[in-house]
Each structure stands twice: as structure tokens, then as C-alpha cells.
Amino acid sequence: GFGGFLLHPWCAGLQDYYVDGAEVVCYRDRADLHAKIDYYLAHPEKRAAIARDGLDRTLRCHLYRHRVELMLGIVKSRLGVG
């Protein structure tokens, strides 16, 4: 989310927010982790593109401003306001 390449353990929830292989890279086990480390170290241009696209997604969709807007929308709908 800060412009770095994110290699993260696979979790279902993350897939709702970022595209695996395009905005973040997830691994499933130690062997997968090591293979992906080797691959992305050998492909710095792909690593940089994923980091850039992950940052872009964060700035477009996942700032505190976005969460506050979502929470206010929920509160307003439950109160019948707006």
C-alpha cells in the first residue's frame, strides 16, 4: 500500500481488495514463497509494475477516507438519513 512490492501469505480476504499477481503476490506454502522470491528477483520490471499497481489500487480504493465514507453510508442508511 505504500508503493513497495508485497509478497503476502495467501488469505481469502485479501483477494477482495487486491488482484493476486497484478497488485500483490500471494504464496501458499514455503516452496511457493521461495519460487516466487526467485522469480520476482529475476524480473524486477514485473515486480515494479505490481508495486506500482498495488499503490494505485490503494490510493483509489483503500484510504481512510474511503473507509469513513463507507461507514457514514452505512450509518446514514440505518438511520434513514440521506
PDB file of N, CA and C in Angstrom:
ATOM      1  N   GLY A   1       0.789  -1.207   0.000  1.00  0.00           N
ATOM      2  CA  GLY A   1       0.000   0.000   0.000  1.00  0.00           C
ATOM      3  C   GLY A   1       0.823   1.259   0.000  1.00  0.00           C
ATOM      4  N   PHE A   2       2.137   1.156   0.222  1.00  0.00           N
ATOM      5  CA  PHE A   2       2.993   2.336   0.239  1.00  0.00           C
ATOM      6  C   PHE A   2       3.934   2.370  -0.956  1.00  0.00           C
ATOM      7  N   GLY A   3       3.682   1.548  -1.943  1.00  0.00           N
ATOM      8  CA  GLY A   3       4.488   1.560  -3.149  1.00  0.00           C
ATOM      9  C   GLY A   3       5.536   0.477  -3.217  1.00  0.00           C
ATOM     10  N   GLY A   4       5.582  -0.378  -2.206  1.00  0.00           N
ATOM     11  CA  GLY A   4       6.525  -1.486  -2.219  1.00  0.00           C
ATOM     12  C   GLY A   4       5.886  -2.737  -2.806  1.00  0.00           C
ATOM     13  N   PHE A   5       6.715  -3.656  -3.223  1.00  0.00           N
ATOM     14  CA  PHE A   5       6.234  -4.947  -3.729  1.00  0.00           C
ATOM     15  C   PHE A   5       5.799  -5.783  -2.539  1.00  0.00           C
ATOM     16  N   LEU A   6       4.559  -6.257  -2.556  1.00  0.00           N
ATOM     17  CA  LEU A   6       4.028  -7.025  -1.429  1.00  0.00           C
ATOM     18  C   LEU A   6       3.915  -8.496  -1.795  1.00  0.00           C
ATOM     19  N   LEU A   7       4.682  -9.315  -1.107  1.00  0.00           N
ATOM     20  CA  LEU A   7       4.624 -10.773  -1.222  1.00  0.00           C
ATOM     21  C   LEU A   7       4.025 -11.256   0.094  1.00  0.00           C
ATOM     22  N   HIS A   8       2.800 -11.729   0.036  1.00  0.00           N
ATOM     23  CA  HIS A   8       1.991 -11.944   1.237  1.00  0.00           C
ATOM     24  C   HIS A   8       1.491 -13.385   1.294  1.00  0.00           C
ATOM     25  N   PRO A   9       1.353 -13.944   2.485  1.00  0.00           N
ATOM     26  CA  PRO A   9       0.731 -15.270   2.585  1.00  0.00           C
ATOM     27  C   PRO A   9      -0.690 -15.210   2.014  1.00  0.00           C
ATOM     28  N   TRP A  10      -1.099 -16.258   1.314  1.00  0.00           N
ATOM     29  CA  TRP A  10      -2.430 -16.270   0.722  1.00  0.00           C
ATOM     30  C   TRP A  10      -3.483 -16.235   1.817  1.00  0.00           C
ATOM     31  N   CYS A  11      -4.476 -15.382   1.623  1.00  0.00           N
ATOM     32  CA  CYS A  11      -5.650 -15.369   2.500  1.00  0.00           C
ATOM     33  C   CYS A  11      -6.841 -14.909   1.665  1.00  0.00           C
ATOM     34  N   ALA A  12      -7.969 -15.520   1.904  1.00  0.00           N
ATOM     35  CA  ALA A  12      -9.156 -15.255   1.092  1.00  0.00           C
ATOM     36  C   ALA A  12      -9.571 -13.790   1.150  1.00  0.00           C
ATOM     37  N   GLY A  13      -9.490 -13.173   2.292  1.00  0.00           N
ATOM     38  CA  GLY A  13      -9.935 -11.793   2.444  1.00  0.00           C
ATOM     39  C   GLY A  13      -9.162 -10.798   1.603  1.00  0.00           C
ATOM     40  N   LEU A  14      -7.888 -11.022   1.428  1.00  0.00           N
ATOM     41  CA  LEU A  14      -7.065 -10.101   0.647  1.00  0.00           C
ATOM     42  C   LEU A  14      -7.508 -10.070  -0.808  1.00  0.00           C
ATOM     43  N   GLN A  15      -8.031 -11.187  -1.285  1.00  0.00           N
ATOM     44  CA  GLN A  15      -8.480 -11.290  -2.678  1.00  0.00           C
ATOM     45  C   GLN A  15      -9.671 -10.371  -2.957  1.00  0.00           C
ATOM     46  N   ASP A  16     -10.355  -9.921  -1.916  1.00  0.00           N
ATOM     47  CA  ASP A  16     -11.470  -8.991  -2.091  1.00  0.00           C
ATOM     48  C   ASP A  16     -10.993  -7.562  -2.343  1.00  0.00           C
ATOM     49  N   TYR A  17      -9.722  -7.294  -2.071  1.00  0.00           N
ATOM     50  CA  TYR A  17      -9.209  -5.935  -2.139  1.00  0.00           C
ATOM     51  C   TYR A  17      -8.112  -5.716  -3.180  1.00  0.00           C
ATOM     52  N   TYR A  18      -7.351  -6.747  -3.464  1.00  0.00           N
ATOM     53  CA  TYR A  18      -6.242  -6.645  -4.428  1.00  0.00           C
ATOM     54  C   TYR A  18      -6.240  -7.867  -5.332  1.00  0.00           C
ATOM     55  N   VAL A  19      -5.761  -7.680  -6.548  1.00  0.00           N
ATOM     56  CA  VAL A  19      -5.691  -8.767  -7.523  1.00  0.00           C
ATOM     57  C   VAL A  19      -4.337  -9.465  -7.386  1.00  0.00           C
ATOM     58  N   ASP A  20      -4.380 -10.749  -7.038  1.00  0.00           N
ATOM     59  CA  ASP A  20      -3.165 -11.541  -6.880  1.00  0.00           C
ATOM     60  C   ASP A  20      -2.442 -11.650  -8.226  1.00  0.00           C
ATOM     61  N   GLY A  21      -1.163 -11.355  -8.212  1.00  0.00           N
ATOM     62  CA  GLY A  21      -0.362 -11.424  -9.429  1.00  0.00           C
ATOM     63  C   GLY A  21      -0.355 -10.139 -10.226  1.00  0.00           C
ATOM     64  N   ALA A  22      -1.203  -9.179  -9.839  1.00  0.00           N
ATOM     65  CA  ALA A  22      -1.266  -7.901 -10.550  1.00  0.00           C
ATOM     66  C   ALA A  22      -1.026  -6.713  -9.618  1.00  0.00           C
ATOM     67  N   GLU A  23      -1.531  -6.800  -8.384  1.00  0.00           N
ATOM     68  CA  GLU A  23      -1.391  -5.705  -7.426  1.00  0.00           C
ATOM     69  C   GLU A  23      -0.690  -6.152  -6.142  1.00  0.00           C
ATOM     70  N   VAL A  24      -0.616  -7.434  -5.957  1.00  0.00           N
ATOM     71  CA  VAL A  24       0.032  -8.080  -4.824  1.00  0.00           C
ATOM     72  C   VAL A  24       0.375  -9.488  -5.302  1.00  0.00           C
ATOM     73  N   VAL A  25       1.315 -10.129  -4.640  1.00  0.00           N
ATOM     74  CA  VAL A  25       1.618 -11.531  -4.976  1.00  0.00           C
ATOM     75  C   VAL A  25       1.470 -12.345  -3.702  1.00  0.00           C
ATOM     76  N   CYS A  26       0.678 -13.405  -3.781  1.00  0.00           N
ATOM     77  CA  CYS A  26       0.439 -14.255  -2.615  1.00  0.00           C
ATOM     78  C   CYS A  26       1.105 -15.609  -2.817  1.00  0.00           C
ATOM     79  N   TYR A  27       1.568 -16.169  -1.725  1.00  0.00           N
ATOM     80  CA  TYR A  27       2.153 -17.511  -1.762  1.00  0.00           C
ATOM     81  C   TYR A  27       1.370 -18.421  -0.837  1.00  0.00           C
ATOM     82  N   ARG A  28       1.382 -19.708  -1.145  1.00  0.00           N
ATOM     83  CA  ARG A  28       0.581 -20.678  -0.388  1.00  0.00           C
ATOM     84  C   ARG A  28       1.385 -21.513   0.594  1.00  0.00           C
ATOM     85  N   ASP A  29       2.652 -21.719   0.318  1.00  0.00           N
ATOM     86  CA  ASP A  29       3.485 -22.507   1.226  1.00  0.00           C
ATOM     87  C   ASP A  29       4.942 -22.064   1.045  1.00  0.00           C
ATOM     88  N   ARG A  30       5.834 -22.660   1.816  1.00  0.00           N
ATOM     89  CA  ARG A  30       7.239 -22.263   1.802  1.00  0.00           C
ATOM     90  C   ARG A  30       7.874 -22.456   0.415  1.00  0.00           C
ATOM     91  N   ALA A  31       7.553 -23.543  -0.243  1.00  0.00           N
ATOM     92  CA  ALA A  31       8.114 -23.794  -1.574  1.00  0.00           C
ATOM     93  C   ALA A  31       7.625 -22.729  -2.564  1.00  0.00           C
ATOM     94  N   ASP A  32       6.340 -22.395  -2.491  1.00  0.00           N
ATOM     95  CA  ASP A  32       5.779 -21.358  -3.352  1.00  0.00           C
ATOM     96  C   ASP A  32       6.427 -20.008  -3.060  1.00  0.00           C
ATOM     97  N   LEU A  33       6.627 -19.711  -1.792  1.00  0.00           N
ATOM     98  CA  LEU A  33       7.293 -18.471  -1.391  1.00  0.00           C
ATOM     99  C   LEU A  33       8.689 -18.393  -2.006  1.00  0.00           C
ATOM    100  N   HIS A  34       9.468 -19.434  -1.858  1.00  0.00           N
ATOM    101  CA  HIS A  34      10.836 -19.430  -2.390  1.00  0.00           C
ATOM    102  C   HIS A  34      10.847 -19.310  -3.911  1.00  0.00           C
ATOM    103  N   ALA A  35       9.927 -19.988  -4.563  1.00  0.00           N
ATOM    104  CA  ALA A  35       9.847 -19.905  -6.028  1.00  0.00           C
ATOM    105  C   ALA A  35       9.492 -18.489  -6.471  1.00  0.00           C
ATOM    106  N   LYS A  36       8.569 -17.860  -5.765  1.00  0.00           N
ATOM    107  CA  LYS A  36       8.165 -16.502  -6.133  1.00  0.00           C
ATOM    108  C   LYS A  36       9.247 -15.486  -5.809  1.00  0.00           C
ATOM    109  N   ILE A  37       9.959 -15.677  -4.726  1.00  0.00           N
ATOM    110  CA  ILE A  37      11.100 -14.799  -4.431  1.00  0.00           C
ATOM    111  C   ILE A  37      12.111 -14.876  -5.566  1.00  0.00           C
ATOM    112  N   ASP A  38      12.472 -16.075  -5.958  1.00  0.00           N
ATOM    113  CA  ASP A  38      13.438 -16.252  -7.052  1.00  0.00           C
ATOM    114  C   ASP A  38      12.925 -15.617  -8.342  1.00  0.00           C
ATOM    115  N   TYR A  39      11.673 -15.860  -8.661  1.00  0.00           N
ATOM    116  CA  TYR A  39      11.099 -15.345  -9.902  1.00  0.00           C
ATOM    117  C   TYR A  39      11.118 -13.817  -9.925  1.00  0.00           C
ATOM    118  N   TYR A  40      10.598 -13.197  -8.869  1.00  0.00           N
ATOM    119  CA  TYR A  40      10.482 -11.743  -8.878  1.00  0.00           C
ATOM    120  C   TYR A  40      11.822 -11.038  -8.687  1.00  0.00           C
ATOM    121  N   LEU A  41      12.792 -11.689  -8.067  1.00  0.00           N
ATOM    122  CA  LEU A  41      14.140 -11.119  -8.033  1.00  0.00           C
ATOM    123  C   LEU A  41      14.750 -11.115  -9.434  1.00  0.00           C
ATOM    124  N   ALA A  42      14.400 -12.111 -10.229  1.00  0.00           N
ATOM    125  CA  ALA A  42      14.910 -12.199 -11.597  1.00  0.00           C
ATOM    126  C   ALA A  42      14.125 -11.325 -12.583  1.00  0.00           C
ATOM    127  N   HIS A  43      12.970 -10.796 -12.155  1.00  0.00           N
ATOM    128  CA  HIS A  43      12.119  -9.989 -13.027  1.00  0.00           C
ATOM    129  C   HIS A  43      11.760  -8.659 -12.351  1.00  0.00           C
ATOM    130  N   PRO A  44      12.738  -7.779 -12.204  1.00  0.00           N
ATOM    131  CA  PRO A  44      12.483  -6.521 -11.485  1.00  0.00           C
ATOM    132  C   PRO A  44      11.427  -5.637 -12.144  1.00  0.00           C
ATOM    133  N   GLU A  45      11.279  -5.713 -13.461  1.00  0.00           N
ATOM    134  CA  GLU A  45      10.271  -4.893 -14.132  1.00  0.00           C
ATOM    135  C   GLU A  45       8.854  -5.348 -13.758  1.00  0.00           C
ATOM    136  N   LYS A  46       8.643  -6.640 -13.621  1.00  0.00           N
ATOM    137  CA  LYS A  46       7.332  -7.151 -13.197  1.00  0.00           C
ATOM    138  C   LYS A  46       7.073  -6.792 -11.736  1.00  0.00           C
ATOM    139  N   ARG A  47       8.106  -6.909 -10.923  1.00  0.00           N
ATOM    140  CA  ARG A  47       7.995  -6.554  -9.506  1.00  0.00           C
ATOM    141  C   ARG A  47       7.623  -5.079  -9.365  1.00  0.00           C
ATOM    142  N   ALA A  48       8.268  -4.219 -10.140  1.00  0.00           N
ATOM    143  CA  ALA A  48       7.979  -2.783 -10.073  1.00  0.00           C
ATOM    144  C   ALA A  48       6.556  -2.480 -10.547  1.00  0.00           C
ATOM    145  N   ALA A  49       6.109  -3.167 -11.588  1.00  0.00           N
ATOM    146  CA  ALA A  49       4.743  -2.947 -12.098  1.00  0.00           C
ATOM    147  C   ALA A  49       3.705  -3.355 -11.062  1.00  0.00           C
ATOM    148  N   ILE A  50       3.922  -4.460 -10.392  1.00  0.00           N
ATOM    149  CA  ILE A  50       2.984  -4.923  -9.358  1.00  0.00           C
ATOM    150  C   ILE A  50       2.977  -3.945  -8.185  1.00  0.00           C
ATOM    151  N   ALA A  51       4.144  -3.466  -7.794  1.00  0.00           N
ATOM    152  CA  ALA A  51       4.224  -2.481  -6.713  1.00  0.00           C
ATOM    153  C   ALA A  51       3.476  -1.208  -7.100  1.00  0.00           C
ATOM    154  N   ARG A  52       3.678  -0.739  -8.322  1.00  0.00           N
ATOM    155  CA  ARG A  52       3.013   0.472  -8.805  1.00  0.00           C
ATOM    156  C   ARG A  52       1.496   0.278  -8.854  1.00  0.00           C
ATOM    157  N   ASP A  53       1.051  -0.863  -9.382  1.00  0.00           N
ATOM    158  CA  ASP A  53      -0.388  -1.117  -9.488  1.00  0.00           C
ATOM    159  C   ASP A  53      -1.031  -1.314  -8.117  1.00  0.00           C
ATOM    160  N   GLY A  54      -0.302  -1.906  -7.184  1.00  0.00           N
ATOM    161  CA  GLY A  54      -0.809  -2.047  -5.816  1.00  0.00           C
ATOM    162  C   GLY A  54      -0.980  -0.697  -5.147  1.00  0.00           C
ATOM    163  N   LEU A  55      -0.005   0.185  -5.341  1.00  0.00           N
ATOM    164  CA  LEU A  55      -0.113   1.535  -4.780  1.00  0.00           C
ATOM    165  C   LEU A  55      -1.283   2.276  -5.412  1.00  0.00           C
ATOM    166  N   ASP A  56      -1.430   2.148  -6.729  1.00  0.00           N
ATOM    167  CA  ASP A  56      -2.541   2.805  -7.414  1.00  0.00           C
ATOM    168  C   ASP A  56      -3.879   2.331  -6.849  1.00  0.00           C
ATOM    169  N   ARG A  57      -4.031   1.024  -6.644  1.00  0.00           N
ATOM    170  CA  ARG A  57      -5.280   0.485  -6.077  1.00  0.00           C
ATOM    171  C   ARG A  57      -5.503   1.036  -4.670  1.00  0.00           C
ATOM    172  N   THR A  58      -4.442   1.090  -3.875  1.00  0.00           N
ATOM    173  CA  THR A  58      -4.566   1.623  -2.517  1.00  0.00           C
ATOM    174  C   THR A  58      -5.051   3.068  -2.544  1.00  0.00           C
ATOM    175  N   LEU A  59      -4.441   3.876  -3.391  1.00  0.00           N
ATOM    176  CA  LEU A  59      -4.812   5.289  -3.449  1.00  0.00           C
ATOM    177  C   LEU A  59      -6.231   5.482  -3.984  1.00  0.00           C
ATOM    178  N   ARG A  60      -6.677   4.608  -4.887  1.00  0.00           N
ATOM    179  CA  ARG A  60      -8.022   4.713  -5.455  1.00  0.00           C
ATOM    180  C   ARG A  60      -9.109   4.182  -4.536  1.00  0.00           C
ATOM    181  N   CYS A  61      -8.774   3.166  -3.714  1.00  0.00           N
ATOM    182  CA  CYS A  61      -9.848   2.429  -3.028  1.00  0.00           C
ATOM    183  C   CYS A  61      -9.671   2.204  -1.534  1.00  0.00           C
ATOM    184  N   HIS A  62      -8.480   2.357  -1.010  1.00  0.00           N
ATOM    185  CA  HIS A  62      -8.254   1.852   0.345  1.00  0.00           C
ATOM    186  C   HIS A  62      -7.627   2.862   1.302  1.00  0.00           C
ATOM    187  N   LEU A  63      -7.986   4.118   1.153  1.00  0.00           N
ATOM    188  CA  LEU A  63      -7.523   5.123   2.107  1.00  0.00           C
ATOM    189  C   LEU A  63      -8.527   5.233   3.254  1.00  0.00           C
ATOM    190  N   TYR A  64      -8.100   5.855   4.350  1.00  0.00           N
ATOM    191  CA  TYR A  64      -9.033   6.056   5.465  1.00  0.00           C
ATOM    192  C   TYR A  64     -10.273   6.804   4.996  1.00  0.00           C
ATOM    193  N   ARG A  65     -10.110   7.726   4.060  1.00  0.00           N
ATOM    194  CA  ARG A  65     -11.240   8.473   3.513  1.00  0.00           C
ATOM    195  C   ARG A  65     -12.289   7.520   2.945  1.00  0.00           C
ATOM    196  N   HIS A  66     -11.841   6.494   2.250  1.00  0.00           N
ATOM    197  CA  HIS A  66     -12.775   5.522   1.680  1.00  0.00           C
ATOM    198  C   HIS A  66     -13.515   4.756   2.775  1.00  0.00           C
ATOM    199  N   ARG A  67     -12.818   4.385   3.821  1.00  0.00           N
ATOM    200  CA  ARG A  67     -13.450   3.635   4.910  1.00  0.00           C
ATOM    201  C   ARG A  67     -14.452   4.498   5.664  1.00  0.00           C
ATOM    202  N   VAL A  68     -14.114   5.780   5.880  1.00  0.00           N
ATOM    203  CA  VAL A  68     -15.030   6.682   6.572  1.00  0.00           C
ATOM    204  C   VAL A  68     -16.283   6.896   5.729  1.00  0.00           C
ATOM    205  N   GLU A  69     -16.117   7.089   4.431  1.00  0.00           N
ATOM    206  CA  GLU A  69     -17.277   7.241   3.543  1.00  0.00           C
ATOM    207  C   GLU A  69     -18.174   6.006   3.615  1.00  0.00           C
ATOM    208  N   LEU A  70     -17.576   4.830   3.616  1.00  0.00           N
ATOM    209  CA  LEU A  70     -18.341   3.593   3.710  1.00  0.00           C
ATOM    210  C   LEU A  70     -19.099   3.517   5.038  1.00  0.00           C
ATOM    211  N   MET A  71     -18.400   3.812   6.134  1.00  0.00           N
ATOM    212  CA  MET A  71     -19.050   3.760   7.454  1.00  0.00           C
ATOM    213  C   MET A  71     -20.181   4.772   7.558  1.00  0.00           C
ATOM    214  N   LEU A  72     -19.954   5.991   7.070  1.00  0.00           N
ATOM    215  CA  LEU A  72     -21.009   7.005   7.124  1.00  0.00           C
ATOM    216  C   LEU A  72     -22.213   6.599   6.282  1.00  0.00           C
ATOM    217  N   GLY A  73     -21.964   5.985   5.139  1.00  0.00           N
ATOM    218  CA  GLY A  73     -23.065   5.498   4.311  1.00  0.00           C
ATOM    219  C   GLY A  73     -23.891   4.446   5.026  1.00  0.00           C
ATOM    220  N   ILE A  74     -23.220   3.544   5.729  1.00  0.00           N
ATOM    221  CA  ILE A  74     -23.928   2.501   6.485  1.00  0.00           C
ATOM    222  C   ILE A  74     -24.749   3.122   7.604  1.00  0.00           C
ATOM    223  N   VAL A  75     -24.155   4.043   8.345  1.00  0.00           N
ATOM    224  CA  VAL A  75     -24.866   4.690   9.451  1.00  0.00           C
ATOM    225  C   VAL A  75     -26.075   5.464   8.922  1.00  0.00           C
ATOM    226  N   LYS A  76     -25.866   6.231   7.852  1.00  0.00           N
ATOM    227  CA  LYS A  76     -26.979   7.004   7.279  1.00  0.00           C
ATOM    228  C   LYS A  76     -28.113   6.110   6.802  1.00  0.00           C
ATOM    229  N   SER A  77     -27.772   4.990   6.170  1.00  0.00           N
ATOM    230  CA  SER A  77     -28.822   4.097   5.674  1.00  0.00           C
ATOM    231  C   SER A  77     -29.590   3.457   6.828  1.00  0.00           C
ATOM    232  N   ARG A  78     -28.912   3.155   7.893  1.00  0.00           N
ATOM    233  CA  ARG A  78     -29.602   2.545   9.047  1.00  0.00           C
ATOM    234  C   ARG A  78     -30.445   3.542   9.810  1.00  0.00           C
ATOM    235  N   LEU A  79     -30.040   4.828   9.747  1.00  0.00           N
ATOM    236  CA  LEU A  79     -30.815   5.879  10.397  1.00  0.00           C
ATOM    237  C   LEU A  79     -31.902   6.429   9.478  1.00  0.00           C
ATOM    238  N   GLY A  80     -31.862   6.045   8.207  1.00  0.00           N
ATOM    239  CA  GLY A  80     -32.827   6.539   7.241  1.00  0.00           C
ATOM    240  C   GLY A  80     -32.555   7.980   6.831  1.00  0.00           C
ATOM    241  N   VAL A  81     -31.288   8.375   6.899  1.00  0.00           N
ATOM    242  CA  VAL A  81     -30.897   9.741   6.553  1.00  0.00           C
ATOM    243  C   VAL A  81     -30.243   9.723   5.168  1.00  0.00           C
ATOM    244  N   GLY A  82     -30.498  10.766   4.394  1.00  0.00           N
ATOM    245  CA  GLY A  82     -29.815  10.949   3.105  1.00  0.00           C
ATOM    246  C   GLY A  82     -30.215   9.957   2.125  1.00  0.00           C
TER     247      GLY A  82
END
